[in-house]
Amino acid sequence: MRLAVLGCLGLLAATPALAQSSANGATAPSGQAMTANTVMPVAAQPMPTASPLDIHNLRDLALACTLRNDNPYYVAGTSLCAGYEAAVLDFHLLDTMGSRHNKRKVCLPNPAPTRRQSVAGLVSWVQSNPQYLDEPAASGVLRYFINTYPCHRKTFQWSPPGPMQ
């Protein structure tokens, strides 16, 4: 749960950098340089480029997890990665509590892997399984956990549920 909060904080930490980068190269409609207090109509604002913090599929998450420390998004991206991974695992564990415990597909060892070990494991697994890069990130993360830490099964291949009805 704490890691999910860290991911959100990392995203918030990147917001001033994003605002600063769009203000640095922009000019006001009259041709004057923009200041921090300049208000620009939405239609006149430059379109932001794709951010490594936009997570749509497993490929995007793997990109955020592997940002280099000289990248301005490094702290936000790695925090988002760890928080995203922890949130998916937390949801699965929460969803399979109590009477639904026999439905649990992920059984972590004791002691559980650290955040760094878990993220490194996910990145390594994604590199070994490129066929899942275009699936939803949460599905890919859960697939990683199920195949890495299965519950009392020698081999288990998880398939994501079908389309929502």
N, C-alpha and C. Protein backbone atom coordinates (compact mmCIF):
# COMPACT_ATOMS: atom_id res chain seq x y z
N MET A 1 0.83 -1.19 0.00
CA MET A 1 0.00 0.00 0.00
C MET A 1 0.88 1.26 0.00
N ARG A 2 1.95 1.21 0.82
CA ARG A 2 2.83 2.37 0.87
C ARG A 2 3.49 2.62 -0.48
N LEU A 3 3.81 1.55 -1.22
CA LEU A 3 4.45 1.73 -2.51
C LEU A 3 3.49 2.34 -3.53
N ALA A 4 2.22 2.02 -3.42
CA ALA A 4 1.24 2.63 -4.32
C ALA A 4 1.18 4.13 -4.09
N VAL A 5 1.26 4.53 -2.82
CA VAL A 5 1.27 5.96 -2.49
C VAL A 5 2.55 6.60 -3.02
N LEU A 6 3.68 5.88 -2.91
CA LEU A 6 4.94 6.41 -3.43
C LEU A 6 4.85 6.65 -4.93
N GLY A 7 4.19 5.75 -5.64
CA GLY A 7 4.02 5.93 -7.09
C GLY A 7 3.25 7.19 -7.40
N CYS A 8 2.19 7.44 -6.63
CA CYS A 8 1.40 8.66 -6.84
C CYS A 8 2.23 9.89 -6.51
N LEU A 9 3.02 9.82 -5.43
CA LEU A 9 3.87 10.95 -5.06
C LEU A 9 4.92 11.22 -6.13
N GLY A 10 5.45 10.15 -6.73
CA GLY A 10 6.41 10.32 -7.80
C GLY A 10 5.81 11.03 -8.99
N LEU A 11 4.57 10.70 -9.31
CA LEU A 11 3.88 11.36 -10.41
C LEU A 11 3.66 12.83 -10.09
N LEU A 12 3.29 13.12 -8.85
CA LEU A 12 3.09 14.51 -8.45
C LEU A 12 4.42 15.28 -8.47
N ALA A 13 5.51 14.61 -8.11
CA ALA A 13 6.81 15.26 -8.12
C ALA A 13 7.23 15.66 -9.53
N ALA A 14 6.78 14.91 -10.52
CA ALA A 14 7.14 15.20 -11.91
C ALA A 14 6.34 16.36 -12.47
N THR A 15 5.21 16.70 -11.86
CA THR A 15 4.34 17.74 -12.40
C THR A 15 5.04 19.09 -12.53
N PRO A 16 5.79 19.58 -11.51
CA PRO A 16 6.49 20.85 -11.71
C PRO A 16 7.50 20.79 -12.85
N ALA A 17 8.17 19.65 -13.02
CA ALA A 17 9.14 19.53 -14.11
C ALA A 17 8.43 19.59 -15.46
N LEU A 18 7.26 18.97 -15.53
CA LEU A 18 6.51 19.01 -16.78
C LEU A 18 6.05 20.43 -17.08
N ALA A 19 5.56 21.13 -16.06
CA ALA A 19 5.10 22.50 -16.26
C ALA A 19 6.26 23.40 -16.64
N GLN A 20 7.41 23.20 -16.00
CA GLN A 20 8.57 24.02 -16.29
C GLN A 20 9.06 23.78 -17.71
N SER A 21 9.08 22.51 -18.14
CA SER A 21 9.60 22.22 -19.48
C SER A 21 8.70 22.80 -20.56
N SER A 22 7.38 22.82 -20.32
CA SER A 22 6.51 23.40 -21.34
C SER A 22 6.57 24.92 -21.33
N ALA A 23 6.90 25.53 -20.17
CA ALA A 23 6.98 26.98 -20.10
C ALA A 23 8.32 27.50 -20.61
N ASN A 24 9.37 26.68 -20.53
CA ASN A 24 10.71 27.14 -20.92
C ASN A 24 10.79 27.53 -22.39
N GLY A 25 10.26 26.71 -23.27
CA GLY A 25 10.41 26.98 -24.69
C GLY A 25 9.22 27.68 -25.30
N ALA A 26 8.21 27.96 -24.53
CA ALA A 26 6.98 28.54 -25.10
C ALA A 26 7.06 30.06 -25.12
N THR A 27 6.35 30.65 -26.06
CA THR A 27 6.24 32.10 -26.12
C THR A 27 4.78 32.48 -26.05
N ALA A 28 4.53 33.65 -25.55
CA ALA A 28 3.16 34.15 -25.45
C ALA A 28 2.65 34.44 -26.85
N PRO A 29 1.31 34.47 -27.06
CA PRO A 29 0.76 34.72 -28.40
C PRO A 29 1.26 36.01 -29.03
N SER A 30 1.61 37.02 -28.21
CA SER A 30 2.07 38.29 -28.76
C SER A 30 3.54 38.25 -29.15
N GLY A 31 4.22 37.10 -28.95
CA GLY A 31 5.62 36.97 -29.31
C GLY A 31 6.56 37.23 -28.14
N GLN A 32 6.01 37.67 -27.00
CA GLN A 32 6.84 37.91 -25.82
C GLN A 32 7.11 36.59 -25.12
N ALA A 33 8.22 36.55 -24.40
CA ALA A 33 8.54 35.34 -23.63
C ALA A 33 7.53 35.17 -22.51
N MET A 34 7.15 33.93 -22.26
CA MET A 34 6.20 33.64 -21.20
C MET A 34 6.91 33.63 -19.85
N THR A 35 6.22 34.08 -18.84
CA THR A 35 6.72 33.97 -17.47
C THR A 35 5.87 32.95 -16.76
N ALA A 36 6.23 32.66 -15.51
CA ALA A 36 5.47 31.68 -14.74
C ALA A 36 4.04 32.12 -14.53
N ASN A 37 3.77 33.43 -14.56
CA ASN A 37 2.43 33.94 -14.31
C ASN A 37 1.63 34.19 -15.58
N THR A 38 2.22 33.94 -16.75
CA THR A 38 1.51 34.16 -18.01
C THR A 38 0.44 33.09 -18.18
N VAL A 39 -0.75 33.53 -18.54
CA VAL A 39 -1.84 32.60 -18.78
C VAL A 39 -2.02 32.50 -20.29
N MET A 40 -2.08 31.28 -20.78
CA MET A 40 -2.18 31.05 -22.21
C MET A 40 -3.47 30.25 -22.46
N PRO A 41 -4.27 30.64 -23.45
CA PRO A 41 -5.48 29.88 -23.74
C PRO A 41 -5.13 28.42 -24.07
N VAL A 42 -6.00 27.52 -23.72
CA VAL A 42 -5.73 26.11 -23.93
C VAL A 42 -5.44 25.81 -25.40
N ALA A 43 -6.19 26.40 -26.31
CA ALA A 43 -5.99 26.12 -27.73
C ALA A 43 -4.62 26.58 -28.22
N ALA A 44 -4.02 27.59 -27.57
CA ALA A 44 -2.73 28.11 -28.00
C ALA A 44 -1.56 27.40 -27.35
N GLN A 45 -1.83 26.57 -26.34
CA GLN A 45 -0.74 25.89 -25.64
C GLN A 45 -0.18 24.78 -26.51
N PRO A 46 1.15 24.57 -26.43
CA PRO A 46 1.73 23.48 -27.21
C PRO A 46 1.26 22.13 -26.69
N MET A 47 1.08 21.18 -27.59
CA MET A 47 0.66 19.84 -27.19
C MET A 47 1.82 19.14 -26.51
N PRO A 48 1.59 18.55 -25.34
CA PRO A 48 2.68 17.84 -24.67
C PRO A 48 3.06 16.59 -25.47
N THR A 49 4.34 16.24 -25.41
CA THR A 49 4.78 15.01 -26.05
C THR A 49 4.50 13.85 -25.12
N ALA A 50 4.60 12.64 -25.63
CA ALA A 50 4.35 11.46 -24.81
C ALA A 50 5.34 11.43 -23.65
N SER A 51 4.84 11.11 -22.50
CA SER A 51 5.65 11.07 -21.30
C SER A 51 5.92 9.62 -20.92
N PRO A 52 7.09 9.32 -20.37
CA PRO A 52 7.34 7.96 -19.90
C PRO A 52 6.48 7.61 -18.68
N LEU A 53 5.68 8.55 -18.23
CA LEU A 53 4.80 8.29 -17.09
C LEU A 53 3.39 7.91 -17.54
N ASP A 54 3.14 7.87 -18.84
CA ASP A 54 1.85 7.43 -19.37
C ASP A 54 1.90 5.91 -19.50
N ILE A 55 1.16 5.22 -18.65
CA ILE A 55 1.19 3.76 -18.64
C ILE A 55 -0.09 3.23 -19.29
N HIS A 56 0.05 2.63 -20.47
CA HIS A 56 -1.09 2.04 -21.16
C HIS A 56 -0.96 0.53 -21.27
N ASN A 57 0.27 0.05 -21.37
CA ASN A 57 0.48 -1.39 -21.51
C ASN A 57 1.76 -1.78 -20.79
N LEU A 58 2.09 -3.06 -20.83
CA LEU A 58 3.26 -3.56 -20.13
C LEU A 58 4.55 -2.94 -20.66
N ARG A 59 4.58 -2.63 -21.95
CA ARG A 59 5.76 -1.97 -22.55
C ARG A 59 6.01 -0.61 -21.88
N ASP A 60 4.94 0.17 -21.69
CA ASP A 60 5.06 1.49 -21.06
C ASP A 60 5.55 1.36 -19.61
N LEU A 61 5.02 0.37 -18.89
CA LEU A 61 5.45 0.18 -17.51
C LEU A 61 6.92 -0.22 -17.46
N ALA A 62 7.33 -1.12 -18.35
CA ALA A 62 8.73 -1.55 -18.38
C ALA A 62 9.64 -0.36 -18.69
N LEU A 63 9.19 0.54 -19.56
CA LEU A 63 9.97 1.75 -19.86
C LEU A 63 10.13 2.61 -18.61
N ALA A 64 9.05 2.80 -17.87
CA ALA A 64 9.13 3.60 -16.64
C ALA A 64 10.04 2.93 -15.61
N CYS A 65 10.04 1.61 -15.57
CA CYS A 65 10.86 0.87 -14.60
C CYS A 65 12.34 0.92 -14.93
N THR A 66 12.67 1.18 -16.18
CA THR A 66 14.07 1.11 -16.60
C THR A 66 14.67 2.46 -16.96
N LEU A 67 14.04 3.55 -16.54
CA LEU A 67 14.61 4.87 -16.81
C LEU A 67 15.98 5.00 -16.15
N ARG A 68 16.91 5.64 -16.84
CA ARG A 68 18.25 5.85 -16.28
C ARG A 68 18.22 7.01 -15.29
N ASN A 69 19.15 7.02 -14.36
CA ASN A 69 19.14 8.06 -13.33
C ASN A 69 19.50 9.45 -13.84
N ASP A 70 19.91 9.59 -15.10
CA ASP A 70 20.15 10.92 -15.66
C ASP A 70 18.92 11.45 -16.39
N ASN A 71 17.85 10.67 -16.42
CA ASN A 71 16.60 11.08 -17.05
C ASN A 71 15.81 11.95 -16.07
N PRO A 72 15.24 13.08 -16.50
CA PRO A 72 14.50 13.94 -15.57
C PRO A 72 13.27 13.25 -14.97
N TYR A 73 12.80 12.19 -15.59
CA TYR A 73 11.65 11.45 -15.07
C TYR A 73 12.05 10.27 -14.18
N TYR A 74 13.34 10.12 -13.90
CA TYR A 74 13.84 8.94 -13.19
C TYR A 74 13.12 8.68 -11.86
N VAL A 75 13.08 9.65 -10.99
CA VAL A 75 12.47 9.46 -9.67
C VAL A 75 10.98 9.16 -9.81
N ALA A 76 10.31 9.95 -10.63
CA ALA A 76 8.87 9.75 -10.81
C ALA A 76 8.59 8.40 -11.48
N GLY A 77 9.36 8.05 -12.48
CA GLY A 77 9.14 6.81 -13.21
C GLY A 77 9.39 5.57 -12.37
N THR A 78 10.51 5.56 -11.65
CA THR A 78 10.80 4.39 -10.83
C THR A 78 9.83 4.28 -9.65
N SER A 79 9.40 5.41 -9.12
CA SER A 79 8.40 5.38 -8.05
C SER A 79 7.06 4.90 -8.58
N LEU A 80 6.69 5.38 -9.76
CA LEU A 80 5.45 4.95 -10.38
C LEU A 80 5.49 3.45 -10.66
N CYS A 81 6.61 2.96 -11.15
CA CYS A 81 6.77 1.55 -11.45
C CYS A 81 6.58 0.70 -10.19
N ALA A 82 7.30 1.04 -9.12
CA ALA A 82 7.20 0.28 -7.89
C ALA A 82 5.80 0.36 -7.29
N GLY A 83 5.20 1.53 -7.34
CA GLY A 83 3.85 1.70 -6.81
C GLY A 83 2.83 0.94 -7.61
N TYR A 84 2.97 0.95 -8.93
CA TYR A 84 2.04 0.24 -9.81
C TYR A 84 2.11 -1.26 -9.54
N GLU A 85 3.33 -1.76 -9.47
CA GLU A 85 3.54 -3.19 -9.23
C GLU A 85 2.96 -3.58 -7.87
N ALA A 86 3.22 -2.79 -6.85
CA ALA A 86 2.70 -3.09 -5.50
C ALA A 86 1.18 -3.01 -5.46
N ALA A 87 0.60 -2.06 -6.18
CA ALA A 87 -0.85 -1.90 -6.17
C ALA A 87 -1.53 -3.10 -6.82
N VAL A 88 -0.98 -3.60 -7.92
CA VAL A 88 -1.56 -4.78 -8.58
C VAL A 88 -1.50 -5.98 -7.65
N LEU A 89 -0.36 -6.18 -7.01
CA LEU A 89 -0.21 -7.30 -6.08
C LEU A 89 -1.14 -7.13 -4.88
N ASP A 90 -1.20 -5.93 -4.31
CA ASP A 90 -2.09 -5.67 -3.17
C ASP A 90 -3.54 -5.96 -3.52
N PHE A 91 -3.96 -5.55 -4.71
CA PHE A 91 -5.34 -5.80 -5.11
C PHE A 91 -5.62 -7.29 -5.22
N HIS A 92 -4.70 -8.04 -5.82
CA HIS A 92 -4.90 -9.48 -5.93
C HIS A 92 -4.98 -10.13 -4.55
N LEU A 93 -4.06 -9.76 -3.66
CA LEU A 93 -4.06 -10.35 -2.32
C LEU A 93 -5.33 -9.96 -1.55
N LEU A 94 -5.76 -8.73 -1.69
CA LEU A 94 -6.98 -8.28 -1.03
C LEU A 94 -8.21 -8.99 -1.61
N ASP A 95 -8.23 -9.17 -2.91
CA ASP A 95 -9.36 -9.80 -3.57
C ASP A 95 -9.49 -11.29 -3.22
N THR A 96 -8.41 -11.89 -2.74
CA THR A 96 -8.43 -13.33 -2.43
C THR A 96 -8.28 -13.58 -0.93
N MET A 97 -8.78 -12.68 -0.12
CA MET A 97 -8.72 -12.87 1.34
C MET A 97 -9.93 -13.69 1.81
N GLY A 98 -9.81 -14.23 3.00
CA GLY A 98 -10.93 -14.91 3.63
C GLY A 98 -11.39 -16.14 2.88
N SER A 99 -12.68 -16.20 2.62
CA SER A 99 -13.26 -17.38 1.98
C SER A 99 -12.77 -17.56 0.54
N ARG A 100 -12.23 -16.52 -0.06
CA ARG A 100 -11.73 -16.60 -1.43
C ARG A 100 -10.23 -16.96 -1.47
N HIS A 101 -9.65 -17.33 -0.32
CA HIS A 101 -8.22 -17.61 -0.25
C HIS A 101 -7.80 -18.74 -1.21
N ASN A 102 -8.71 -19.71 -1.43
CA ASN A 102 -8.36 -20.81 -2.34
C ASN A 102 -8.28 -20.35 -3.79
N LYS A 103 -8.69 -19.13 -4.08
CA LYS A 103 -8.60 -18.57 -5.45
C LYS A 103 -7.26 -17.85 -5.65
N ARG A 104 -6.49 -17.68 -4.59
CA ARG A 104 -5.23 -16.95 -4.68
C ARG A 104 -4.27 -17.66 -5.62
N LYS A 105 -3.65 -16.88 -6.49
CA LYS A 105 -2.71 -17.43 -7.47
C LYS A 105 -1.28 -17.00 -7.20
N VAL A 106 -1.08 -16.06 -6.28
CA VAL A 106 0.26 -15.57 -5.95
C VAL A 106 0.53 -15.86 -4.48
N CYS A 107 1.61 -16.58 -4.21
CA CYS A 107 2.02 -16.87 -2.83
C CYS A 107 3.47 -16.44 -2.69
N LEU A 108 3.68 -15.30 -2.04
CA LEU A 108 5.02 -14.77 -1.87
C LEU A 108 5.80 -15.60 -0.85
N PRO A 109 7.11 -15.73 -1.06
CA PRO A 109 7.92 -16.44 -0.08
C PRO A 109 8.07 -15.61 1.18
N ASN A 110 8.55 -16.23 2.25
CA ASN A 110 8.84 -15.51 3.48
C ASN A 110 10.34 -15.60 3.71
N PRO A 111 11.07 -14.53 3.68
CA PRO A 111 10.63 -13.14 3.54
C PRO A 111 10.28 -12.81 2.09
N ALA A 112 9.37 -11.88 1.93
CA ALA A 112 8.95 -11.44 0.60
C ALA A 112 10.09 -10.68 -0.07
N PRO A 113 10.10 -10.64 -1.39
CA PRO A 113 11.15 -9.89 -2.08
C PRO A 113 11.05 -8.39 -1.76
N THR A 114 12.19 -7.73 -1.78
CA THR A 114 12.20 -6.29 -1.55
C THR A 114 11.63 -5.60 -2.79
N ARG A 115 11.39 -4.32 -2.66
CA ARG A 115 10.87 -3.55 -3.79
C ARG A 115 11.85 -3.60 -4.96
N ARG A 116 13.13 -3.43 -4.69
CA ARG A 116 14.12 -3.47 -5.77
C ARG A 116 14.18 -4.84 -6.43
N GLN A 117 14.12 -5.89 -5.61
CA GLN A 117 14.15 -7.25 -6.17
C GLN A 117 12.92 -7.49 -7.04
N SER A 118 11.78 -7.03 -6.56
CA SER A 118 10.54 -7.23 -7.29
C SER A 118 10.55 -6.49 -8.63
N VAL A 119 10.98 -5.23 -8.62
CA VAL A 119 11.04 -4.45 -9.86
C VAL A 119 12.06 -5.06 -10.82
N ALA A 120 13.23 -5.44 -10.30
CA ALA A 120 14.25 -6.08 -11.15
C ALA A 120 13.73 -7.39 -11.73
N GLY A 121 12.99 -8.14 -10.93
CA GLY A 121 12.40 -9.39 -11.41
C GLY A 121 11.38 -9.14 -12.51
N LEU A 122 10.55 -8.12 -12.33
CA LEU A 122 9.56 -7.78 -13.35
C LEU A 122 10.24 -7.39 -14.66
N VAL A 123 11.26 -6.55 -14.58
CA VAL A 123 11.96 -6.10 -15.79
C VAL A 123 12.60 -7.30 -16.50
N SER A 124 13.23 -8.17 -15.74
CA SER A 124 13.86 -9.36 -16.33
C SER A 124 12.80 -10.26 -16.96
N TRP A 125 11.67 -10.43 -16.28
CA TRP A 125 10.60 -11.28 -16.81
C TRP A 125 10.03 -10.69 -18.10
N VAL A 126 9.84 -9.38 -18.13
CA VAL A 126 9.31 -8.72 -19.33
C VAL A 126 10.27 -8.91 -20.50
N GLN A 127 11.56 -8.79 -20.25
CA GLN A 127 12.54 -8.99 -21.32
C GLN A 127 12.52 -10.42 -21.85
N SER A 128 12.22 -11.37 -20.97
CA SER A 128 12.17 -12.78 -21.36
C SER A 128 10.84 -13.15 -22.01
N ASN A 129 9.83 -12.30 -21.86
CA ASN A 129 8.48 -12.61 -22.37
C ASN A 129 7.93 -11.45 -23.18
N PRO A 130 8.57 -11.10 -24.29
CA PRO A 130 8.13 -9.93 -25.07
C PRO A 130 6.74 -10.11 -25.69
N GLN A 131 6.21 -11.31 -25.72
CA GLN A 131 4.89 -11.53 -26.30
C GLN A 131 3.79 -10.84 -25.50
N TYR A 132 4.08 -10.41 -24.27
CA TYR A 132 3.07 -9.77 -23.43
C TYR A 132 3.19 -8.25 -23.39
N LEU A 133 4.10 -7.68 -24.15
CA LEU A 133 4.36 -6.23 -24.09
C LEU A 133 3.15 -5.37 -24.40
N ASP A 134 2.26 -5.83 -25.24
CA ASP A 134 1.12 -5.00 -25.65
C ASP A 134 -0.14 -5.26 -24.84
N GLU A 135 -0.07 -6.14 -23.84
CA GLU A 135 -1.25 -6.36 -23.01
C GLU A 135 -1.31 -5.29 -21.93
N PRO A 136 -2.49 -5.11 -21.31
CA PRO A 136 -2.60 -4.09 -20.25
C PRO A 136 -1.54 -4.32 -19.17
N ALA A 137 -1.00 -3.23 -18.65
CA ALA A 137 0.09 -3.31 -17.68
C ALA A 137 -0.29 -4.13 -16.45
N ALA A 138 -1.48 -3.92 -15.92
CA ALA A 138 -1.89 -4.65 -14.72
C ALA A 138 -1.95 -6.15 -14.99
N SER A 139 -2.43 -6.53 -16.16
CA SER A 139 -2.49 -7.94 -16.53
C SER A 139 -1.08 -8.53 -16.61
N GLY A 140 -0.16 -7.80 -17.19
CA GLY A 140 1.22 -8.26 -17.30
C GLY A 140 1.90 -8.39 -15.95
N VAL A 141 1.66 -7.43 -15.07
CA VAL A 141 2.26 -7.50 -13.72
C VAL A 141 1.71 -8.70 -12.97
N LEU A 142 0.40 -8.92 -13.04
CA LEU A 142 -0.18 -10.07 -12.36
C LEU A 142 0.34 -11.37 -12.96
N ARG A 143 0.50 -11.41 -14.27
CA ARG A 143 1.06 -12.59 -14.93
C ARG A 143 2.48 -12.85 -14.41
N TYR A 144 3.27 -11.81 -14.26
CA TYR A 144 4.63 -11.95 -13.72
C TYR A 144 4.59 -12.57 -12.32
N PHE A 145 3.76 -12.01 -11.45
CA PHE A 145 3.69 -12.52 -10.08
C PHE A 145 3.21 -13.97 -10.03
N ILE A 146 2.21 -14.29 -10.82
CA ILE A 146 1.66 -15.65 -10.82
C ILE A 146 2.69 -16.66 -11.30
N ASN A 147 3.43 -16.30 -12.33
CA ASN A 147 4.42 -17.23 -12.86
C ASN A 147 5.70 -17.28 -12.03
N THR A 148 5.98 -16.22 -11.28
CA THR A 148 7.18 -16.19 -10.45
C THR A 148 6.93 -16.76 -9.07
N TYR A 149 5.77 -16.51 -8.51
CA TYR A 149 5.43 -16.96 -7.15
C TYR A 149 4.10 -17.71 -7.14
N PRO A 150 4.00 -18.84 -7.86
CA PRO A 150 2.73 -19.56 -7.91
C PRO A 150 2.41 -20.23 -6.57
N CYS A 151 1.14 -20.47 -6.35
CA CYS A 151 0.69 -21.14 -5.13
C CYS A 151 0.60 -22.64 -5.36
N HIS A 152 1.54 -23.40 -4.84
CA HIS A 152 1.51 -24.86 -4.82
C HIS A 152 1.24 -25.48 -6.19
N ARG A 153 1.77 -24.88 -7.22
CA ARG A 153 1.63 -25.44 -8.55
C ARG A 153 3.02 -25.51 -9.18
N LYS A 154 3.29 -26.60 -9.85
CA LYS A 154 4.59 -26.71 -10.50
C LYS A 154 4.62 -25.87 -11.76
N THR A 155 3.58 -25.94 -12.55
CA THR A 155 3.47 -25.10 -13.75
C THR A 155 2.09 -24.49 -13.77
N PHE A 156 2.02 -23.25 -14.03
CA PHE A 156 0.74 -22.56 -14.07
C PHE A 156 0.85 -21.41 -15.04
N GLN A 157 0.02 -21.40 -16.05
CA GLN A 157 -0.01 -20.29 -16.99
C GLN A 157 -1.33 -19.57 -16.82
N TRP A 158 -1.25 -18.32 -16.49
CA TRP A 158 -2.45 -17.52 -16.27
C TRP A 158 -2.88 -16.87 -17.57
N SER A 159 -4.16 -16.86 -17.80
CA SER A 159 -4.72 -16.16 -18.94
C SER A 159 -5.62 -15.07 -18.42
N PRO A 160 -5.53 -13.86 -18.97
CA PRO A 160 -6.38 -12.78 -18.49
C PRO A 160 -7.85 -13.10 -18.77
N PRO A 161 -8.75 -12.55 -17.96
CA PRO A 161 -10.16 -12.78 -18.20
C PRO A 161 -10.58 -12.20 -19.55
N GLY A 162 -11.69 -12.71 -20.07
CA GLY A 162 -12.20 -12.24 -21.35
C GLY A 162 -12.72 -10.82 -21.22
N PRO A 163 -13.26 -10.27 -22.30
CA PRO A 163 -13.77 -8.90 -22.26
C PRO A 163 -14.91 -8.77 -21.26
N MET A 164 -15.01 -7.58 -20.68
CA MET A 164 -16.07 -7.33 -19.71
C MET A 164 -17.41 -7.33 -20.42
N GLN A 165 -18.39 -7.90 -19.82
CA GLN A 165 -19.74 -7.97 -20.39
C GLN A 165 -20.56 -6.80 -19.94
